[in-house]
């Protein structure tokens, strides 16, 4: 049985990606870009993501370009993508569904 932080196979990653359509596999990481209306809304979203990440004890790489927030997730200790990455991605997608109408 794999642990939450064990590296997933390419096949396992592809199957899990089907369930989170707003995320893609880019350079060995899960990545998604979220577009907001203003810079303050982008910062608000990043702050909300930070709370989710702290709860999960798993933190994304975050890039902000005015009204766009790009998140990248991988489990560095596993050398790739693990179930922890998909858990965090799903939680962020759920957050986005609530905050999107900002």
PDB file of N, CA and C in Angstrom:
ATOM      1  N   UNK A   1       0.835  -1.186   0.000  1.00  0.00           N
ATOM      2  CA  UNK A   1       0.000   0.000   0.000  1.00  0.00           C
ATOM      3  C   UNK A   1       0.881   1.251   0.000  1.00  0.00           C
ATOM      4  N   UNK A   2       0.573   2.196  -0.899  1.00  0.00           N
ATOM      5  CA  UNK A   2       1.351   3.419  -0.983  1.00  0.00           C
ATOM      6  C   UNK A   2       0.958   4.397   0.118  1.00  0.00           C
ATOM      7  N   UNK A   3       1.936   5.177   0.553  1.00  0.00           N
ATOM      8  CA  UNK A   3       1.633   6.242   1.495  1.00  0.00           C
ATOM      9  C   UNK A   3       1.181   7.465   0.708  1.00  0.00           C
ATOM     10  N   UNK A   4       0.640   8.452   1.411  1.00  0.00           N
ATOM     11  CA  UNK A   4       0.192   9.700   0.794  1.00  0.00           C
ATOM     12  C   UNK A   4       1.318  10.394   0.050  1.00  0.00           C
ATOM     13  N   UNK A   5       2.558  10.194   0.502  1.00  0.00           N
ATOM     14  CA  UNK A   5       3.669  10.914  -0.111  1.00  0.00           C
ATOM     15  C   UNK A   5       4.523  10.047  -1.043  1.00  0.00           C
ATOM     16  N   UNK A   6       4.056   8.838  -1.365  1.00  0.00           N
ATOM     17  CA  UNK A   6       4.785   7.988  -2.317  1.00  0.00           C
ATOM     18  C   UNK A   6       4.527   8.488  -3.739  1.00  0.00           C
ATOM     19  N   UNK A   7       5.543   8.427  -4.558  1.00  0.00           N
ATOM     20  CA  UNK A   7       5.430   8.882  -5.947  1.00  0.00           C
ATOM     21  C   UNK A   7       4.430   8.016  -6.700  1.00  0.00           C
ATOM     22  N   UNK A   8       3.545   8.666  -7.448  1.00  0.00           N
ATOM     23  CA  UNK A   8       2.561   7.959  -8.262  1.00  0.00           C
ATOM     24  C   UNK A   8       3.146   7.636  -9.631  1.00  0.00           C
ATOM     25  N   UNK A   9       2.655   6.562 -10.230  1.00  0.00           N
ATOM     26  CA  UNK A   9       3.077   6.200 -11.585  1.00  0.00           C
ATOM     27  C   UNK A   9       2.431   7.160 -12.587  1.00  0.00           C
ATOM     28  N   UNK A  10       2.950   7.178 -13.796  1.00  0.00           N
ATOM     29  CA  UNK A  10       2.377   8.020 -14.849  1.00  0.00           C
ATOM     30  C   UNK A  10       0.909   7.677 -15.087  1.00  0.00           C
ATOM     31  N   UNK A  11       0.580   6.404 -15.053  1.00  0.00           N
ATOM     32  CA  UNK A  11      -0.808   5.975 -15.264  1.00  0.00           C
ATOM     33  C   UNK A  11      -1.708   6.473 -14.133  1.00  0.00           C
ATOM     34  N   UNK A  12      -1.240   6.354 -12.892  1.00  0.00           N
ATOM     35  CA  UNK A  12      -2.029   6.830 -11.754  1.00  0.00           C
ATOM     36  C   UNK A  12      -2.249   8.339 -11.837  1.00  0.00           C
ATOM     37  N   UNK A  13      -1.242   9.063 -12.270  1.00  0.00           N
ATOM     38  CA  UNK A  13      -1.363  10.514 -12.415  1.00  0.00           C
ATOM     39  C   UNK A  13      -2.411  10.851 -13.469  1.00  0.00           C
ATOM     40  N   UNK A  14      -2.360  10.183 -14.615  1.00  0.00           N
ATOM     41  CA  UNK A  14      -3.308  10.469 -15.696  1.00  0.00           C
ATOM     42  C   UNK A  14      -4.748  10.196 -15.271  1.00  0.00           C
ATOM     43  N   UNK A  15      -4.967   9.113 -14.535  1.00  0.00           N
ATOM     44  CA  UNK A  15      -6.319   8.789 -14.052  1.00  0.00           C
ATOM     45  C   UNK A  15      -6.805   9.865 -13.092  1.00  0.00           C
ATOM     46  N   UNK A  16      -5.962  10.296 -12.179  1.00  0.00           N
ATOM     47  CA  UNK A  16      -6.357  11.306 -11.196  1.00  0.00           C
ATOM     48  C   UNK A  16      -6.576  12.682 -11.839  1.00  0.00           C
ATOM     49  N   UNK A  17      -5.828  12.983 -12.882  1.00  0.00           N
ATOM     50  CA  UNK A  17      -6.003  14.265 -13.574  1.00  0.00           C
ATOM     51  C   UNK A  17      -7.395  14.402 -14.183  1.00  0.00           C
ATOM     52  N   UNK A  18      -8.011  13.296 -14.546  1.00  0.00           N
ATOM     53  CA  UNK A  18      -9.356  13.337 -15.122  1.00  0.00           C
ATOM     54  C   UNK A  18     -10.373  13.936 -14.157  1.00  0.00           C
ATOM     55  N   UNK A  19     -10.119  13.814 -12.858  1.00  0.00           N
ATOM     56  CA  UNK A  19     -11.053  14.293 -11.840  1.00  0.00           C
ATOM     57  C   UNK A  19     -10.844  15.760 -11.469  1.00  0.00           C
ATOM     58  N   UNK A  20      -9.747  16.366 -11.912  1.00  0.00           N
ATOM     59  CA  UNK A  20      -9.490  17.775 -11.596  1.00  0.00           C
ATOM     60  C   UNK A  20      -9.134  18.503 -12.889  1.00  0.00           C
ATOM     61  N   UNK A  21     -10.143  18.830 -13.646  1.00  0.00           N
ATOM     62  CA  UNK A  21      -9.953  19.341 -15.003  1.00  0.00           C
ATOM     63  C   UNK A  21      -9.232  20.681 -15.072  1.00  0.00           C
ATOM     64  N   UNK A  22      -9.187  21.443 -13.990  1.00  0.00           N
ATOM     65  CA  UNK A  22      -8.522  22.739 -14.045  1.00  0.00           C
ATOM     66  C   UNK A  22      -7.021  22.644 -13.748  1.00  0.00           C
ATOM     67  N   UNK A  23      -6.496  21.432 -13.605  1.00  0.00           N
ATOM     68  CA  UNK A  23      -5.069  21.214 -13.366  1.00  0.00           C
ATOM     69  C   UNK A  23      -4.478  20.409 -14.519  1.00  0.00           C
ATOM     70  N   UNK A  24      -3.197  20.693 -14.836  1.00  0.00           N
ATOM     71  CA  UNK A  24      -2.493  19.978 -15.882  1.00  0.00           C
ATOM     72  C   UNK A  24      -1.154  19.490 -15.335  1.00  0.00           C
ATOM     73  N   UNK A  25      -0.583  18.556 -16.044  1.00  0.00           N
ATOM     74  CA  UNK A  25       0.763  18.085 -15.732  1.00  0.00           C
ATOM     75  C   UNK A  25       1.737  18.913 -16.565  1.00  0.00           C
ATOM     76  N   UNK A  26       2.611  19.657 -15.900  1.00  0.00           N
ATOM     77  CA  UNK A  26       3.599  20.516 -16.561  1.00  0.00           C
ATOM     78  C   UNK A  26       4.953  20.297 -15.904  1.00  0.00           C
ATOM     79  N   UNK A  27       5.915  19.806 -16.667  1.00  0.00           N
ATOM     80  CA  UNK A  27       7.286  19.622 -16.185  1.00  0.00           C
ATOM     81  C   UNK A  27       7.361  18.853 -14.858  1.00  0.00           C
ATOM     82  N   UNK A  28       6.580  17.805 -14.757  1.00  0.00           N
ATOM     83  CA  UNK A  28       6.622  16.958 -13.578  1.00  0.00           C
ATOM     84  C   UNK A  28       5.903  17.499 -12.356  1.00  0.00           C
ATOM     85  N   UNK A  29       5.076  18.521 -12.547  1.00  0.00           N
ATOM     86  CA  UNK A  29       4.305  19.098 -11.448  1.00  0.00           C
ATOM     87  C   UNK A  29       2.853  19.260 -11.886  1.00  0.00           C
ATOM     88  N   UNK A  30       1.951  19.289 -10.904  1.00  0.00           N
ATOM     89  CA  UNK A  30       0.578  19.687 -11.187  1.00  0.00           C
ATOM     90  C   UNK A  30       0.571  21.201 -11.232  1.00  0.00           C
ATOM     91  N   UNK A  31      -0.101  21.777 -12.227  1.00  0.00           N
ATOM     92  CA  UNK A  31      -0.119  23.230 -12.363  1.00  0.00           C
ATOM     93  C   UNK A  31      -1.501  23.707 -12.768  1.00  0.00           C
ATOM     94  N   UNK A  32      -1.896  24.852 -12.222  1.00  0.00           N
ATOM     95  CA  UNK A  32      -3.139  25.492 -12.615  1.00  0.00           C
ATOM     96  C   UNK A  32      -2.973  26.999 -12.494  1.00  0.00           C
ATOM     97  N   UNK A  33      -3.601  27.730 -13.419  1.00  0.00           N
ATOM     98  CA  UNK A  33      -3.599  29.189 -13.374  1.00  0.00           C
ATOM     99  C   UNK A  33      -5.027  29.667 -13.171  1.00  0.00           C
ATOM    100  N   UNK A  34      -5.190  30.566 -12.216  1.00  0.00           N
ATOM    101  CA  UNK A  34      -6.495  31.108 -11.861  1.00  0.00           C
ATOM    102  C   UNK A  34      -6.506  32.597 -12.207  1.00  0.00           C
ATOM    103  N   UNK A  35      -7.528  33.032 -12.937  1.00  0.00           N
ATOM    104  CA  UNK A  35      -7.647  34.433 -13.336  1.00  0.00           C
ATOM    105  C   UNK A  35      -8.674  35.131 -12.458  1.00  0.00           C
ATOM    106  N   UNK A  36      -8.264  36.252 -11.909  1.00  0.00           N
ATOM    107  CA  UNK A  36      -9.143  37.043 -11.058  1.00  0.00           C
ATOM    108  C   UNK A  36      -9.322  38.423 -11.678  1.00  0.00           C
ATOM    109  N   UNK A  37     -10.200  39.231 -11.118  1.00  0.00           N
ATOM    110  CA  UNK A  37     -10.515  40.526 -11.721  1.00  0.00           C
ATOM    111  C   UNK A  37      -9.477  41.597 -11.403  1.00  0.00           C
ATOM    112  N   UNK A  38      -8.869  41.513 -10.216  1.00  0.00           N
ATOM    113  CA  UNK A  38      -7.949  42.570  -9.793  1.00  0.00           C
ATOM    114  C   UNK A  38      -6.779  41.963  -9.024  1.00  0.00           C
ATOM    115  N   UNK A  39      -5.745  42.755  -8.849  1.00  0.00           N
ATOM    116  CA  UNK A  39      -4.597  42.338  -8.046  1.00  0.00           C
ATOM    117  C   UNK A  39      -4.998  42.050  -6.592  1.00  0.00           C
ATOM    118  N   UNK A  40      -5.786  42.923  -5.936  1.00  0.00           N
ATOM    119  CA  UNK A  40      -6.190  42.595  -4.556  1.00  0.00           C
ATOM    120  C   UNK A  40      -6.954  41.272  -4.452  1.00  0.00           C
ATOM    121  N   UNK A  41      -7.762  40.946  -5.449  1.00  0.00           N
ATOM    122  CA  UNK A  41      -8.471  39.664  -5.420  1.00  0.00           C
ATOM    123  C   UNK A  41      -7.496  38.505  -5.582  1.00  0.00           C
ATOM    124  N   UNK A  42      -6.474  38.702  -6.405  1.00  0.00           N
ATOM    125  CA  UNK A  42      -5.454  37.659  -6.562  1.00  0.00           C
ATOM    126  C   UNK A  42      -4.745  37.418  -5.236  1.00  0.00           C
ATOM    127  N   UNK A  43      -4.411  38.472  -4.530  1.00  0.00           N
ATOM    128  CA  UNK A  43      -3.749  38.342  -3.227  1.00  0.00           C
ATOM    129  C   UNK A  43      -4.680  37.677  -2.219  1.00  0.00           C
ATOM    130  N   UNK A  44      -5.949  38.023  -2.240  1.00  0.00           N
ATOM    131  CA  UNK A  44      -6.927  37.398  -1.350  1.00  0.00           C
ATOM    132  C   UNK A  44      -6.982  35.892  -1.610  1.00  0.00           C
ATOM    133  N   UNK A  45      -7.011  35.517  -2.891  1.00  0.00           N
ATOM    134  CA  UNK A  45      -7.044  34.100  -3.250  1.00  0.00           C
ATOM    135  C   UNK A  45      -5.785  33.391  -2.757  1.00  0.00           C
ATOM    136  N   UNK A  46      -4.624  34.000  -2.951  1.00  0.00           N
ATOM    137  CA  UNK A  46      -3.375  33.401  -2.480  1.00  0.00           C
ATOM    138  C   UNK A  46      -3.409  33.216  -0.967  1.00  0.00           C
ATOM    139  N   UNK A  47      -3.933  34.183  -0.246  1.00  0.00           N
ATOM    140  CA  UNK A  47      -4.031  34.064   1.208  1.00  0.00           C
ATOM    141  C   UNK A  47      -4.935  32.888   1.597  1.00  0.00           C
ATOM    142  N   UNK A  48      -6.049  32.728   0.878  1.00  0.00           N
ATOM    143  CA  UNK A  48      -6.951  31.601   1.146  1.00  0.00           C
ATOM    144  C   UNK A  48      -6.262  30.270   0.828  1.00  0.00           C
ATOM    145  N   UNK A  49      -5.499  30.228  -0.268  1.00  0.00           N
ATOM    146  CA  UNK A  49      -4.745  29.021  -0.623  1.00  0.00           C
ATOM    147  C   UNK A  49      -3.733  28.701   0.477  1.00  0.00           C
ATOM    148  N   UNK A  50      -3.100  29.727   1.025  1.00  0.00           N
ATOM    149  CA  UNK A  50      -2.112  29.523   2.100  1.00  0.00           C
ATOM    150  C   UNK A  50      -2.748  28.830   3.306  1.00  0.00           C
ATOM    151  N   UNK A  51      -3.974  29.204   3.631  1.00  0.00           N
ATOM    152  CA  UNK A  51      -4.660  28.556   4.761  1.00  0.00           C
ATOM    153  C   UNK A  51      -4.938  27.080   4.468  1.00  0.00           C
ATOM    154  N   UNK A  52      -5.372  26.786   3.252  1.00  0.00           N
ATOM    155  CA  UNK A  52      -5.610  25.394   2.857  1.00  0.00           C
ATOM    156  C   UNK A  52      -4.301  24.615   2.906  1.00  0.00           C
ATOM    157  N   UNK A  53      -3.241  25.198   2.385  1.00  0.00           N
ATOM    158  CA  UNK A  53      -1.935  24.529   2.357  1.00  0.00           C
ATOM    159  C   UNK A  53      -1.436  24.238   3.777  1.00  0.00           C
ATOM    160  N   UNK A  54      -1.624  25.175   4.680  1.00  0.00           N
ATOM    161  CA  UNK A  54      -1.211  24.949   6.066  1.00  0.00           C
ATOM    162  C   UNK A  54      -2.011  23.815   6.690  1.00  0.00           C
ATOM    163  N   UNK A  55      -3.295  23.768   6.402  1.00  0.00           N
ATOM    164  CA  UNK A  55      -4.145  22.684   6.919  1.00  0.00           C
ATOM    165  C   UNK A  55      -3.660  21.333   6.409  1.00  0.00           C
ATOM    166  N   UNK A  56      -3.274  21.283   5.137  1.00  0.00           N
ATOM    167  CA  UNK A  56      -2.796  20.039   4.524  1.00  0.00           C
ATOM    168  C   UNK A  56      -1.324  19.759   4.826  1.00  0.00           C
ATOM    169  N   UNK A  57      -0.603  20.742   5.370  1.00  0.00           N
ATOM    170  CA  UNK A  57       0.840  20.624   5.595  1.00  0.00           C
ATOM    171  C   UNK A  57       1.563  20.245   4.302  1.00  0.00           C
ATOM    172  N   UNK A  58       1.131  20.922   3.222  1.00  0.00           N
ATOM    173  CA  UNK A  58       1.712  20.697   1.896  1.00  0.00           C
ATOM    174  C   UNK A  58       1.542  22.006   1.136  1.00  0.00           C
ATOM    175  N   UNK A  59       2.626  22.557   0.613  1.00  0.00           N
ATOM    176  CA  UNK A  59       2.605  23.929   0.124  1.00  0.00           C
ATOM    177  C   UNK A  59       2.961  24.024  -1.356  1.00  0.00           C
ATOM    178  N   UNK A  60       2.140  24.760  -2.116  1.00  0.00           N
ATOM    179  CA  UNK A  60       2.413  24.920  -3.546  1.00  0.00           C
ATOM    180  C   UNK A  60       3.457  26.008  -3.794  1.00  0.00           C
ATOM    181  N   UNK A  61       4.064  25.975  -4.960  1.00  0.00           N
ATOM    182  CA  UNK A  61       4.834  27.112  -5.448  1.00  0.00           C
ATOM    183  C   UNK A  61       3.805  28.062  -6.055  1.00  0.00           C
ATOM    184  N   UNK A  62       3.944  29.349  -5.755  1.00  0.00           N
ATOM    185  CA  UNK A  62       2.942  30.342  -6.154  1.00  0.00           C
ATOM    186  C   UNK A  62       3.605  31.452  -6.960  1.00  0.00           C
ATOM    187  N   UNK A  63       2.996  31.776  -8.114  1.00  0.00           N
ATOM    188  CA  UNK A  63       3.423  32.917  -8.917  1.00  0.00           C
ATOM    189  C   UNK A  63       2.213  33.814  -9.118  1.00  0.00           C
ATOM    190  N   UNK A  64       2.430  35.115  -8.973  1.00  0.00           N
ATOM    191  CA  UNK A  64       1.353  36.089  -9.173  1.00  0.00           C
ATOM    192  C   UNK A  64       1.782  37.050 -10.267  1.00  0.00           C
ATOM    193  N   UNK A  65       0.916  37.235 -11.237  1.00  0.00           N
ATOM    194  CA  UNK A  65       1.131  38.220 -12.286  1.00  0.00           C
ATOM    195  C   UNK A  65      -0.137  39.062 -12.382  1.00  0.00           C
ATOM    196  N   UNK A  66      -0.161  40.136 -11.633  1.00  0.00           N
ATOM    197  CA  UNK A  66      -1.278  41.057 -11.494  1.00  0.00           C
ATOM    198  C   UNK A  66      -2.569  40.347 -11.099  1.00  0.00           C
ATOM    199  N   UNK A  67      -3.333  39.858 -12.063  1.00  0.00           N
ATOM    200  CA  UNK A  67      -4.626  39.249 -11.746  1.00  0.00           C
ATOM    201  C   UNK A  67      -4.648  37.744 -12.024  1.00  0.00           C
ATOM    202  N   UNK A  68      -3.473  37.154 -12.217  1.00  0.00           N
ATOM    203  CA  UNK A  68      -3.372  35.711 -12.466  1.00  0.00           C
ATOM    204  C   UNK A  68      -2.487  35.075 -11.402  1.00  0.00           C
ATOM    205  N   UNK A  69      -2.968  33.960 -10.882  1.00  0.00           N
ATOM    206  CA  UNK A  69      -2.232  33.203  -9.875  1.00  0.00           C
ATOM    207  C   UNK A  69      -1.964  31.817 -10.449  1.00  0.00           C
ATOM    208  N   UNK A  70      -0.688  31.457 -10.528  1.00  0.00           N
ATOM    209  CA  UNK A  70      -0.308  30.126 -10.999  1.00  0.00           C
ATOM    210  C   UNK A  70       0.226  29.337  -9.811  1.00  0.00           C
ATOM    211  N   UNK A  71      -0.320  28.151  -9.634  1.00  0.00           N
ATOM    212  CA  UNK A  71       0.091  27.259  -8.544  1.00  0.00           C
ATOM    213  C   UNK A  71       0.716  26.013  -9.143  1.00  0.00           C
ATOM    214  N   UNK A  72       1.819  25.577  -8.553  1.00  0.00           N
ATOM    215  CA  UNK A  72       2.498  24.353  -8.962  1.00  0.00           C
ATOM    216  C   UNK A  72       2.702  23.490  -7.722  1.00  0.00           C
ATOM    217  N   UNK A  73       2.410  22.199  -7.880  1.00  0.00           N
ATOM    218  CA  UNK A  73       2.472  21.281  -6.750  1.00  0.00           C
ATOM    219  C   UNK A  73       3.210  20.011  -7.144  1.00  0.00           C
ATOM    220  N   UNK A  74       4.144  19.606  -6.314  1.00  0.00           N
ATOM    221  CA  UNK A  74       4.836  18.319  -6.446  1.00  0.00           C
ATOM    222  C   UNK A  74       5.362  17.958  -5.066  1.00  0.00           C
ATOM    223  N   UNK A  75       5.594  16.684  -4.853  1.00  0.00           N
ATOM    224  CA  UNK A  75       6.158  16.229  -3.586  1.00  0.00           C
ATOM    225  C   UNK A  75       7.646  16.013  -3.812  1.00  0.00           C
ATOM    226  N   UNK A  76       8.424  17.007  -3.428  1.00  0.00           N
ATOM    227  CA  UNK A  76       9.862  16.972  -3.698  1.00  0.00           C
ATOM    228  C   UNK A  76      10.530  15.757  -3.046  1.00  0.00           C
ATOM    229  N   UNK A  77      10.086  15.387  -1.848  1.00  0.00           N
ATOM    230  CA  UNK A  77      10.681  14.240  -1.154  1.00  0.00           C
ATOM    231  C   UNK A  77      10.427  12.939  -1.910  1.00  0.00           C
ATOM    232  N   UNK A  78       9.330  12.879  -2.687  1.00  0.00           N
ATOM    233  CA  UNK A  78       9.010  11.680  -3.455  1.00  0.00           C
ATOM    234  C   UNK A  78       9.633  11.730  -4.854  1.00  0.00           C
ATOM    235  N   UNK A  79      10.156  12.882  -5.225  1.00  0.00           N
ATOM    236  CA  UNK A  79      10.734  13.016  -6.553  1.00  0.00           C
ATOM    237  C   UNK A  79       9.700  13.047  -7.658  1.00  0.00           C
ATOM    238  N   UNK A  80       8.507  13.508  -7.338  1.00  0.00           N
ATOM    239  CA  UNK A  80       7.445  13.566  -8.345  1.00  0.00           C
ATOM    240  C   UNK A  80       6.123  13.921  -7.716  1.00  0.00           C
ATOM    241  N   UNK A  81       5.074  13.393  -8.301  1.00  0.00           N
ATOM    242  CA  UNK A  81       3.720  13.698  -7.852  1.00  0.00           C
ATOM    243  C   UNK A  81       3.193  12.558  -6.993  1.00  0.00           C
ATOM    244  N   UNK A  82       2.599  12.942  -5.865  1.00  0.00           N
ATOM    245  CA  UNK A  82       2.047  11.963  -4.926  1.00  0.00           C
ATOM    246  C   UNK A  82       0.563  12.252  -4.700  1.00  0.00           C
ATOM    247  N   UNK A  83      -0.059  11.395  -3.928  1.00  0.00           N
ATOM    248  CA  UNK A  83      -1.466  11.596  -3.578  1.00  0.00           C
ATOM    249  C   UNK A  83      -1.657  12.910  -2.817  1.00  0.00           C
ATOM    250  N   UNK A  84      -0.646  13.320  -2.043  1.00  0.00           N
ATOM    251  CA  UNK A  84      -0.724  14.602  -1.320  1.00  0.00           C
ATOM    252  C   UNK A  84      -0.939  15.758  -2.293  1.00  0.00           C
ATOM    253  N   UNK A  85      -0.311  15.693  -3.452  1.00  0.00           N
ATOM    254  CA  UNK A  85      -0.456  16.753  -4.446  1.00  0.00           C
ATOM    255  C   UNK A  85      -1.881  16.817  -4.980  1.00  0.00           C
ATOM    256  N   UNK A  86      -2.460  15.654  -5.232  1.00  0.00           N
ATOM    257  CA  UNK A  86      -3.832  15.633  -5.720  1.00  0.00           C
ATOM    258  C   UNK A  86      -4.818  16.063  -4.640  1.00  0.00           C
ATOM    259  N   UNK A  87      -4.554  15.712  -3.405  1.00  0.00           N
ATOM    260  CA  UNK A  87      -5.417  16.160  -2.305  1.00  0.00           C
ATOM    261  C   UNK A  87      -5.398  17.679  -2.228  1.00  0.00           C
ATOM    262  N   UNK A  88      -4.208  18.272  -2.276  1.00  0.00           N
ATOM    263  CA  UNK A  88      -4.103  19.730  -2.220  1.00  0.00           C
ATOM    264  C   UNK A  88      -4.759  20.363  -3.441  1.00  0.00           C
ATOM    265  N   UNK A  89      -4.521  19.822  -4.620  1.00  0.00           N
ATOM    266  CA  UNK A  89      -5.129  20.369  -5.843  1.00  0.00           C
ATOM    267  C   UNK A  89      -6.658  20.335  -5.754  1.00  0.00           C
ATOM    268  N   UNK A  90      -7.220  19.240  -5.273  1.00  0.00           N
ATOM    269  CA  UNK A  90      -8.684  19.145  -5.121  1.00  0.00           C
ATOM    270  C   UNK A  90      -9.193  20.176  -4.135  1.00  0.00           C
ATOM    271  N   UNK A  91      -8.501  20.337  -3.018  1.00  0.00           N
ATOM    272  CA  UNK A  91      -8.915  21.334  -2.009  1.00  0.00           C
ATOM    273  C   UNK A  91      -8.857  22.748  -2.579  1.00  0.00           C
ATOM    274  N   UNK A  92      -7.822  23.054  -3.360  1.00  0.00           N
ATOM    275  CA  UNK A  92      -7.709  24.378  -3.970  1.00  0.00           C
ATOM    276  C   UNK A  92      -8.814  24.567  -5.007  1.00  0.00           C
ATOM    277  N   UNK A  93      -9.119  23.549  -5.786  1.00  0.00           N
ATOM    278  CA  UNK A  93     -10.209  23.636  -6.764  1.00  0.00           C
ATOM    279  C   UNK A  93     -11.543  23.880  -6.073  1.00  0.00           C
ATOM    280  N   UNK A  94     -11.775  23.230  -4.943  1.00  0.00           N
ATOM    281  CA  UNK A  94     -13.002  23.469  -4.173  1.00  0.00           C
ATOM    282  C   UNK A  94     -13.051  24.903  -3.668  1.00  0.00           C
ATOM    283  N   UNK A  95     -11.925  25.403  -3.188  1.00  0.00           N
ATOM    284  CA  UNK A  95     -11.832  26.786  -2.745  1.00  0.00           C
ATOM    285  C   UNK A  95     -12.147  27.729  -3.898  1.00  0.00           C
ATOM    286  N   UNK A  96     -11.597  27.449  -5.067  1.00  0.00           N
ATOM    287  CA  UNK A  96     -11.826  28.274  -6.241  1.00  0.00           C
ATOM    288  C   UNK A  96     -13.319  28.321  -6.587  1.00  0.00           C
ATOM    289  N   UNK A  97     -14.016  27.211  -6.462  1.00  0.00           N
ATOM    290  CA  UNK A  97     -15.452  27.187  -6.758  1.00  0.00           C
ATOM    291  C   UNK A  97     -16.220  28.129  -5.831  1.00  0.00           C
ATOM    292  N   UNK A  98     -15.760  28.274  -4.614  1.00  0.00           N
ATOM    293  CA  UNK A  98     -16.420  29.174  -3.653  1.00  0.00           C
ATOM    294  C   UNK A  98     -16.039  30.628  -3.915  1.00  0.00           C
ATOM    295  N   UNK A  99     -14.753  30.881  -4.201  1.00  0.00           N
ATOM    296  CA  UNK A  99     -14.258  32.252  -4.318  1.00  0.00           C
ATOM    297  C   UNK A  99     -14.325  32.827  -5.727  1.00  0.00           C
ATOM    298  N   UNK A 100     -14.513  32.012  -6.733  1.00  0.00           N
ATOM    299  CA  UNK A 100     -14.455  32.484  -8.118  1.00  0.00           C
ATOM    300  C   UNK A 100     -15.316  33.720  -8.364  1.00  0.00           C
ATOM    301  N   UNK A 101     -16.545  33.811  -7.828  1.00  0.00           N
ATOM    302  CA  UNK A 101     -17.367  34.999  -8.121  1.00  0.00           C
ATOM    303  C   UNK A 101     -16.895  36.276  -7.431  1.00  0.00           C
ATOM    304  N   UNK A 102     -15.864  36.188  -6.588  1.00  0.00           N
ATOM    305  CA  UNK A 102     -15.324  37.367  -5.887  1.00  0.00           C
ATOM    306  C   UNK A 102     -15.954  38.612  -6.424  1.00  0.00           C
TER     307      UNK A 102
END
